[in-house]
Amino acid sequence: MFRRKFLKSVSLWGRNGASKRRIGHCFQCTALQNTTHHVRSCSQATQQQMKISDPHIFVKNELRHLSNSILNELNTPLEPLKNITQYYFDNKGKLFRPMVILLMAKVCNKHVYGNEERSLSNAQNTVARVAEMIHTASLVHDDIIDLADSRRGKPSTHHIWGEKEAVLAGNYIMSRATIALARLGNVEVIKLLAKVLDDLVKGEFMQMGSREDPNERFTHYLDKTFKKTASLLAYTCRSVALLANGSKELQDLAFQYGKNLGIAFQLVDDVLDFSSSQEVLGKPAAADLRLGLATGPVLFASEEFPEITAFIMRRFKGENDVEETYDLVRKSTGIERTMSLARQHSREATRQLMKLRHSPERDALVELSGNLLKREN
């Protein structure tokens, strides 16, 4: 049985009545004698609630600059290379990772220096930019490995330009990311982001294999999930905390937030492979099964339907393996149990955040931790 300790839930709104000072409701209506002041107070609270429900608003200028700076970083007189490498940087992506990193940078700055307005350093902005470039380069290579014809609702790079060109384009994006990183001249940050690259490659190799023992198989799956998805957020969050001159405790906390958020994100992604349609998800249903991958819902379902184990070990290559596994997962509690595990990691990410000085950016990251559990693509 896959037993995981259920993490203690955390109040998102603080203790000792802190929630009463929060957004969305005026708890002091009876004490307000001036009606105009009361209306103005509630209006301001509503505006604050709208801001927190949209985390992008706190880093929208930085994200706009990030997108432009990536295009400049990839600018080259070699027109074909320029076209391929800039293809996914069209300002239509979610920019989820740099948004998290930039918000964490602001949270760490305010935790260290107080709540006064303080601009992000060039180094912190660079970490966010490098993270998005590493992530996108890995997607270009993943699409080739997975034989994916589309990405983000449009044809994949190798589908348009060919596999050889796409491999080289992914390499070029990665090389420009490392050059931008080297320009920082910060050895500690370079070491942290080098670990991300190391994890990406190891995670891809881990994904190619599995384990016969069910418990080892699940541990293998979570380790792979960290390396392929969560490592990038964990080490970049740690990097911006370091660049804020944060203590080791603050750096560890930022790392844990990124780690747990990243794992929760991937667990939800694995659930969507079974619960979302191709139109919404942007890729065929059961795509992971067709690639021979046993994700959380499948591993949990194999407890209820042991015949799935044989399918896992032959990587769903048998006739009707994919269809049978898909149906069995839908009949099992695998989806619900994977979502329960995702909620645990989301709560742990929030628990780490609540140790930090209060700020709107911290609240935005808390909101984001919960919102990712509701996403549909």
Protein backbone atom coordinates (compact mmCIF):
# COMPACT_ATOMS: atom_id res chain seq x y z
CA MET A 1 0.00 0.00 0.00
CA PHE A 2 1.18 3.48 -0.78
CA ARG A 3 0.99 5.21 2.57
CA ARG A 4 1.78 8.87 2.86
CA LYS A 5 1.55 10.90 6.01
CA PHE A 6 -1.26 13.38 5.66
CA LEU A 7 0.22 16.81 6.24
CA LYS A 8 -1.33 19.03 8.85
CA SER A 9 -3.54 21.62 7.20
CA VAL A 10 -2.73 25.27 7.63
CA SER A 11 -5.02 28.23 7.91
CA LEU A 12 -4.38 30.49 4.94
CA TRP A 13 -5.52 33.52 6.84
CA GLY A 14 -3.30 33.45 9.91
CA ARG A 15 -4.10 33.27 13.60
CA ASN A 16 -5.47 35.45 16.40
CA GLY A 17 -8.09 37.08 14.27
CA ALA A 18 -5.75 37.89 11.40
CA SER A 19 -8.44 36.73 8.99
CA LYS A 20 -10.62 39.61 10.14
CA ARG A 21 -8.11 42.04 8.79
CA ARG A 22 -8.05 40.26 5.48
CA ILE A 23 -9.75 40.99 2.23
CA GLY A 24 -13.27 40.60 0.93
CA HIS A 25 -15.35 41.19 4.10
CA CYS A 26 -15.63 44.10 6.47
CA PHE A 27 -15.83 42.75 10.02
CA GLN A 28 -16.05 46.20 11.59
CA CYS A 29 -19.26 47.36 9.93
CA THR A 30 -21.01 48.02 13.26
CA ALA A 31 -18.17 50.16 14.46
CA LEU A 32 -18.17 52.38 11.40
CA GLN A 33 -20.17 55.52 11.97
CA ASN A 34 -19.39 57.15 8.68
CA THR A 35 -21.25 55.42 5.85
CA THR A 36 -19.04 56.93 3.16
CA HIS A 37 -15.93 55.68 4.89
CA HIS A 38 -17.53 52.23 5.23
CA VAL A 39 -18.32 52.00 1.52
CA ARG A 40 -14.84 53.20 0.61
CA SER A 41 -13.26 50.63 2.97
CA CYS A 42 -15.25 47.74 1.51
CA SER A 43 -14.48 48.92 -2.02
CA GLN A 44 -10.76 48.96 -1.26
CA ALA A 45 -11.02 45.46 0.24
CA THR A 46 -12.77 44.17 -2.87
CA GLN A 47 -10.07 45.66 -5.10
CA GLN A 48 -7.40 43.99 -2.97
CA GLN A 49 -9.21 40.66 -3.29
CA MET A 50 -9.25 40.98 -7.06
CA LYS A 51 -5.54 41.62 -7.10
CA ILE A 52 -4.72 38.59 -4.99
CA SER A 53 -6.95 36.35 -7.11
CA ASP A 54 -4.74 37.24 -10.08
CA PRO A 55 -1.10 36.70 -9.04
CA HIS A 56 0.14 37.99 -12.41
CA ILE A 57 -0.77 41.53 -11.46
CA PHE A 58 2.10 41.79 -8.98
CA VAL A 59 4.77 40.93 -11.56
CA LYS A 60 3.16 41.92 -14.87
CA ASN A 61 5.82 44.51 -15.69
CA GLU A 62 8.64 42.11 -14.87
CA LEU A 63 7.02 39.37 -16.98
CA ARG A 64 6.65 41.73 -19.94
CA HIS A 65 10.30 42.67 -19.68
CA LEU A 66 11.24 38.99 -19.27
CA SER A 67 9.56 37.99 -22.53
CA ASN A 68 11.30 40.77 -24.44
CA SER A 69 14.67 40.02 -22.88
CA ILE A 70 14.39 36.34 -23.86
CA LEU A 71 13.74 37.31 -27.48
CA ASN A 72 16.79 39.58 -27.34
CA GLU A 73 18.85 36.78 -25.81
CA LEU A 74 17.89 34.47 -28.68
CA ASN A 75 18.41 37.03 -31.41
CA THR A 76 20.79 35.77 -34.08
CA PRO A 77 21.53 36.62 -37.72
CA LEU A 78 20.89 32.94 -38.54
CA GLU A 79 17.27 33.37 -39.57
CA PRO A 80 16.15 29.71 -39.39
CA LEU A 81 17.65 29.31 -35.91
CA LYS A 82 16.05 32.55 -34.77
CA ASN A 83 12.62 31.48 -36.03
CA ILE A 84 12.71 28.09 -34.31
CA THR A 85 14.12 29.25 -30.97
CA GLN A 86 11.72 32.19 -30.68
CA TYR A 87 8.71 30.10 -31.76
CA TYR A 88 7.41 29.31 -28.26
CA PHE A 89 8.29 32.72 -26.81
CA ASP A 90 5.29 34.41 -28.40
CA ASN A 91 3.84 35.97 -25.21
CA LYS A 92 0.96 33.47 -25.35
CA GLY A 93 2.32 31.05 -22.76
CA LYS A 94 1.30 31.05 -19.09
CA LEU A 95 4.80 31.95 -17.84
CA PHE A 96 3.87 30.02 -14.70
CA ARG A 97 7.44 29.31 -13.58
CA PRO A 98 8.89 32.81 -13.95
CA MET A 99 5.75 34.21 -12.28
CA VAL A 100 6.34 31.98 -9.24
CA ILE A 101 10.05 32.83 -9.15
CA LEU A 102 9.48 36.60 -9.42
CA LEU A 103 6.79 36.52 -6.73
CA MET A 104 9.10 34.52 -4.46
CA ALA A 105 11.88 37.04 -5.09
CA LYS A 106 9.59 39.88 -3.97
CA VAL A 107 8.45 37.90 -0.92
CA CYS A 108 12.06 37.22 0.09
CA ASN A 109 13.12 40.82 -0.46
CA LYS A 110 10.32 42.07 1.78
CA HIS A 111 11.03 39.41 4.38
CA VAL A 112 14.68 40.49 4.57
CA TYR A 113 14.37 44.25 4.11
CA GLY A 114 10.87 45.00 5.36
CA ASN A 115 7.69 45.78 3.46
CA GLU A 116 8.92 48.95 1.78
CA GLU A 117 8.88 48.86 -2.00
CA ARG A 118 12.10 47.37 -3.31
CA SER A 119 12.81 46.61 -6.95
CA LEU A 120 13.95 43.16 -7.93
CA SER A 121 17.63 42.91 -8.64
CA ASN A 122 18.89 42.23 -12.16
CA ALA A 123 20.18 38.90 -10.89
CA GLN A 124 16.76 37.85 -9.61
CA ASN A 125 15.16 38.79 -12.93
CA THR A 126 17.86 36.82 -14.73
CA VAL A 127 17.10 33.69 -12.69
CA ALA A 128 13.44 33.88 -13.79
CA ARG A 129 14.48 34.39 -17.42
CA VAL A 130 16.95 31.50 -17.35
CA ALA A 131 14.33 29.24 -15.76
CA GLU A 132 11.84 29.86 -18.56
CA MET A 133 14.50 29.25 -21.19
CA ILE A 134 15.60 25.97 -19.58
CA HIS A 135 11.99 24.87 -19.30
CA THR A 136 11.20 25.70 -22.93
CA ALA A 137 14.36 24.03 -24.23
CA SER A 138 13.36 20.87 -22.37
CA LEU A 139 9.90 21.02 -23.99
CA VAL A 140 11.44 21.20 -27.46
CA HIS A 141 13.48 18.07 -26.71
CA ASP A 142 10.58 16.32 -24.93
CA ASP A 143 8.36 16.74 -27.98
CA ILE A 144 10.93 14.92 -30.11
CA ILE A 145 11.30 12.09 -27.59
CA ASP A 146 7.52 11.80 -27.16
CA LEU A 147 6.77 12.19 -30.88
CA ALA A 148 4.36 15.00 -30.00
CA ASP A 149 2.82 16.80 -32.96
CA SER A 150 1.56 19.80 -30.99
CA ARG A 151 2.46 22.00 -28.06
CA ARG A 152 0.48 24.88 -26.53
CA GLY A 153 -2.20 24.51 -29.15
CA LYS A 154 0.06 24.76 -32.18
CA PRO A 155 2.35 22.42 -34.15
CA SER A 156 5.52 21.40 -32.34
CA THR A 157 8.88 22.65 -33.57
CA HIS A 158 10.10 19.33 -34.94
CA HIS A 159 6.78 18.85 -36.74
CA ILE A 160 7.40 22.09 -38.66
CA TRP A 161 11.19 22.25 -39.08
CA GLY A 162 12.31 18.65 -38.56
CA GLU A 163 13.90 16.71 -35.70
CA LYS A 164 17.51 17.67 -36.37
CA GLU A 165 16.68 21.36 -36.48
CA ALA A 166 14.57 21.11 -33.32
CA VAL A 167 17.34 19.33 -31.40
CA LEU A 168 19.80 22.07 -32.35
CA ALA A 169 17.27 24.77 -31.47
CA GLY A 170 16.72 23.27 -28.03
CA ASN A 171 20.48 23.11 -27.53
CA TYR A 172 20.81 26.75 -28.57
CA ILE A 173 18.13 27.92 -26.13
CA MET A 174 19.90 26.02 -23.36
CA SER A 175 23.28 27.44 -24.33
CA ARG A 176 21.96 31.02 -24.29
CA ALA A 177 20.41 30.35 -20.89
CA THR A 178 23.76 29.20 -19.50
CA ILE A 179 25.50 32.26 -20.98
CA ALA A 180 22.97 34.54 -19.27
CA LEU A 181 23.54 32.62 -16.05
CA ALA A 182 27.33 32.88 -16.35
CA ARG A 183 27.05 36.66 -16.73
CA LEU A 184 25.71 36.82 -13.18
CA GLY A 185 29.12 35.81 -11.86
CA ASN A 186 27.48 34.26 -8.77
CA VAL A 187 29.05 30.86 -8.22
CA GLU A 188 26.41 29.67 -5.75
CA VAL A 189 23.51 30.47 -8.09
CA ILE A 190 25.33 28.84 -10.99
CA LYS A 191 25.75 25.68 -8.90
CA LEU A 192 22.05 25.64 -8.02
CA LEU A 193 20.85 26.00 -11.60
CA ALA A 194 23.44 23.50 -12.82
CA LYS A 195 21.70 21.04 -10.50
CA VAL A 196 18.45 21.72 -12.37
CA LEU A 197 20.05 20.67 -15.66
CA ASP A 198 21.49 17.58 -14.02
CA ASP A 199 18.07 16.65 -12.63
CA LEU A 200 16.32 17.21 -15.97
CA VAL A 201 18.49 14.67 -17.75
CA LYS A 202 18.37 12.13 -14.92
CA GLY A 203 14.61 12.55 -14.64
CA GLU A 204 14.18 11.81 -18.33
CA PHE A 205 16.17 8.59 -17.97
CA MET A 206 14.22 7.62 -14.85
CA GLN A 207 11.01 8.07 -16.82
CA MET A 208 12.15 5.36 -19.22
CA GLY A 209 12.15 2.72 -16.49
CA SER A 210 10.02 1.41 -13.63
CA ARG A 211 10.25 -0.92 -10.62
CA GLU A 212 8.65 -4.31 -10.03
CA ASP A 213 8.04 -3.70 -6.32
CA PRO A 214 4.94 -1.45 -5.96
CA ASN A 215 6.39 0.67 -3.14
CA GLU A 216 9.69 1.15 -4.96
CA ARG A 217 7.71 1.97 -8.08
CA PHE A 218 5.87 4.82 -6.37
CA THR A 219 9.05 6.21 -4.81
CA HIS A 220 10.67 6.05 -8.25
CA TYR A 221 7.70 7.96 -9.68
CA LEU A 222 7.91 10.74 -7.07
CA ASP A 223 11.70 11.03 -7.45
CA LYS A 224 11.27 11.32 -11.20
CA THR A 225 8.53 13.92 -10.70
CA PHE A 226 10.85 16.03 -8.57
CA LYS A 227 13.72 15.87 -11.03
CA LYS A 228 11.67 16.53 -14.18
CA THR A 229 9.30 19.18 -12.82
CA ALA A 230 9.82 20.35 -9.25
CA SER A 231 13.60 20.73 -9.28
CA LEU A 232 13.43 23.80 -11.51
CA LEU A 233 11.05 25.63 -9.16
CA ALA A 234 12.83 24.45 -6.01
CA TYR A 235 16.33 25.55 -6.99
CA THR A 236 15.29 28.81 -8.65
CA CYS A 237 13.20 29.80 -5.62
CA ARG A 238 16.23 29.04 -3.48
CA SER A 239 18.39 31.13 -5.82
CA VAL A 240 16.26 34.28 -5.55
CA ALA A 241 16.18 33.86 -1.76
CA LEU A 242 19.98 33.67 -1.78
CA LEU A 243 20.14 36.78 -4.00
CA ALA A 244 17.94 38.59 -1.46
CA ASN A 245 20.74 37.98 1.05
CA GLY A 246 18.40 35.64 2.85
CA SER A 247 19.54 33.32 5.60
CA LYS A 248 19.97 29.59 5.05
CA GLU A 249 16.62 29.12 6.78
CA LEU A 250 14.94 31.43 4.27
CA GLN A 251 16.66 29.67 1.37
CA ASP A 252 15.52 26.28 2.66
CA LEU A 253 11.98 27.55 3.05
CA ALA A 254 11.93 28.92 -0.50
CA PHE A 255 13.29 25.61 -1.77
CA GLN A 256 10.56 23.66 0.04
CA TYR A 257 7.85 25.92 -1.37
CA GLY A 258 9.12 25.43 -4.92
CA LYS A 259 9.54 21.69 -4.43
CA ASN A 260 6.05 21.10 -3.06
CA LEU A 261 4.39 23.43 -5.55
CA GLY A 262 6.18 21.69 -8.42
CA ILE A 263 5.19 18.21 -7.26
CA ALA A 264 1.57 19.29 -6.76
CA PHE A 265 1.58 20.83 -10.25
CA GLN A 266 2.80 17.60 -11.86
CA LEU A 267 0.40 15.40 -9.90
CA VAL A 268 -2.51 17.50 -11.16
CA ASP A 269 -1.05 17.29 -14.67
CA ASP A 270 -1.01 13.49 -14.39
CA VAL A 271 -4.64 13.50 -13.29
CA LEU A 272 -5.66 15.69 -16.23
CA ASP A 273 -4.38 13.00 -18.58
CA PHE A 274 -7.38 10.94 -17.43
CA SER A 275 -9.96 13.57 -16.54
CA SER A 276 -9.65 16.25 -19.22
CA SER A 277 -10.55 16.23 -22.90
CA GLN A 278 -8.07 16.65 -25.75
CA GLU A 279 -9.61 20.01 -26.65
CA VAL A 280 -9.07 21.39 -23.14
CA LEU A 281 -5.75 19.70 -22.41
CA GLY A 282 -4.14 20.40 -25.79
CA LYS A 283 -2.96 16.79 -26.19
CA PRO A 284 -4.70 13.40 -26.66
CA ALA A 285 -6.27 11.73 -23.62
CA ALA A 286 -4.15 8.93 -22.12
CA ALA A 287 -1.08 10.44 -23.79
CA ASP A 288 1.17 9.29 -20.94
CA LEU A 289 -0.05 5.71 -21.23
CA ARG A 290 0.70 5.74 -24.95
CA LEU A 291 4.23 6.80 -24.08
CA GLY A 292 4.54 3.87 -21.68
CA LEU A 293 4.40 6.01 -18.54
CA ALA A 294 2.81 4.84 -15.30
CA THR A 295 1.81 7.98 -13.38
CA GLY A 296 0.14 8.43 -10.00
CA PRO A 297 -3.43 7.52 -11.02
CA VAL A 298 -2.18 4.30 -12.65
CA LEU A 299 0.01 3.29 -9.69
CA PHE A 300 -2.83 3.86 -7.22
CA ALA A 301 -5.27 2.02 -9.50
CA SER A 302 -2.94 -0.99 -9.66
CA GLU A 303 -3.67 -1.59 -5.96
CA GLU A 304 -7.32 -2.16 -6.78
CA PHE A 305 -6.73 -3.87 -10.13
CA PRO A 306 -3.51 -5.95 -9.90
CA GLU A 307 -3.69 -6.84 -13.59
CA ILE A 308 -2.45 -3.32 -14.32
CA THR A 309 0.98 -4.32 -12.96
CA ALA A 310 1.62 -6.53 -15.99
CA PHE A 311 0.68 -3.64 -18.28
CA ILE A 312 3.08 -1.35 -16.42
CA MET A 313 6.01 -3.73 -16.71
CA ARG A 314 5.58 -4.06 -20.46
CA ARG A 315 5.01 -0.28 -20.72
CA PHE A 316 1.48 -0.70 -22.11
CA LYS A 317 2.79 -2.17 -25.38
CA GLY A 318 0.36 -5.09 -25.47
CA GLU A 319 -2.78 -5.01 -27.56
CA ASN A 320 -5.48 -2.94 -25.79
CA ASP A 321 -3.17 -2.28 -22.78
CA VAL A 322 -3.74 1.48 -23.04
CA GLU A 323 -7.51 1.21 -23.40
CA GLU A 324 -7.90 -1.33 -20.58
CA THR A 325 -5.68 0.63 -18.21
CA TYR A 326 -7.48 3.86 -18.99
CA ASP A 327 -10.85 2.27 -18.20
CA LEU A 328 -9.58 0.64 -15.01
CA VAL A 329 -8.07 3.92 -13.76
CA ARG A 330 -11.40 5.65 -14.34
CA LYS A 331 -13.16 2.91 -12.35
CA SER A 332 -10.66 3.08 -9.48
CA THR A 333 -9.94 5.67 -6.81
CA GLY A 334 -6.58 6.42 -8.46
CA ILE A 335 -7.58 9.88 -9.67
CA GLU A 336 -9.02 10.90 -6.29
CA ARG A 337 -5.98 9.58 -4.40
CA THR A 338 -3.56 11.38 -6.69
CA MET A 339 -5.49 14.61 -6.18
CA SER A 340 -5.40 14.02 -2.43
CA LEU A 341 -1.61 13.74 -2.62
CA ALA A 342 -1.48 16.92 -4.71
CA ARG A 343 -3.52 18.73 -2.04
CA GLN A 344 -1.07 17.58 0.64
CA HIS A 345 1.86 19.06 -1.29
CA SER A 346 -0.11 22.24 -1.97
CA ARG A 347 -0.84 22.63 1.74
CA GLU A 348 2.80 22.03 2.60
CA ALA A 349 3.84 24.73 0.14
CA THR A 350 1.40 27.09 1.84
CA ARG A 351 2.63 26.09 5.30
CA GLN A 352 6.15 27.10 4.36
CA LEU A 353 4.96 30.46 3.03
CA MET A 354 3.08 31.33 6.22
CA LYS A 355 6.39 31.47 8.08
CA LEU A 356 7.34 34.57 6.07
CA ARG A 357 6.57 38.22 6.64
CA HIS A 358 3.10 39.09 5.39
CA SER A 359 2.91 40.83 2.01
CA PRO A 360 0.49 40.92 -0.95
CA GLU A 361 2.98 38.85 -2.95
CA ARG A 362 3.00 36.18 -0.25
CA ASP A 363 -0.80 36.08 -0.41
CA ALA A 364 -0.59 35.76 -4.19
CA LEU A 365 1.66 32.69 -3.85
CA VAL A 366 -0.75 31.20 -1.32
CA GLU A 367 -3.62 31.77 -3.74
CA LEU A 368 -1.59 30.25 -6.55
CA SER A 369 -0.90 27.13 -4.47
CA GLY A 370 -4.62 26.54 -4.20
CA ASN A 371 -5.54 27.56 -7.73
CA LEU A 372 -3.26 25.02 -9.37
CA LEU A 373 -5.45 22.28 -7.90
CA LYS A 374 -8.37 23.64 -9.93
CA ARG A 375 -6.67 23.98 -13.29
CA GLU A 376 -8.03 22.20 -16.35
CA ASN A 377 -5.01 22.34 -18.67
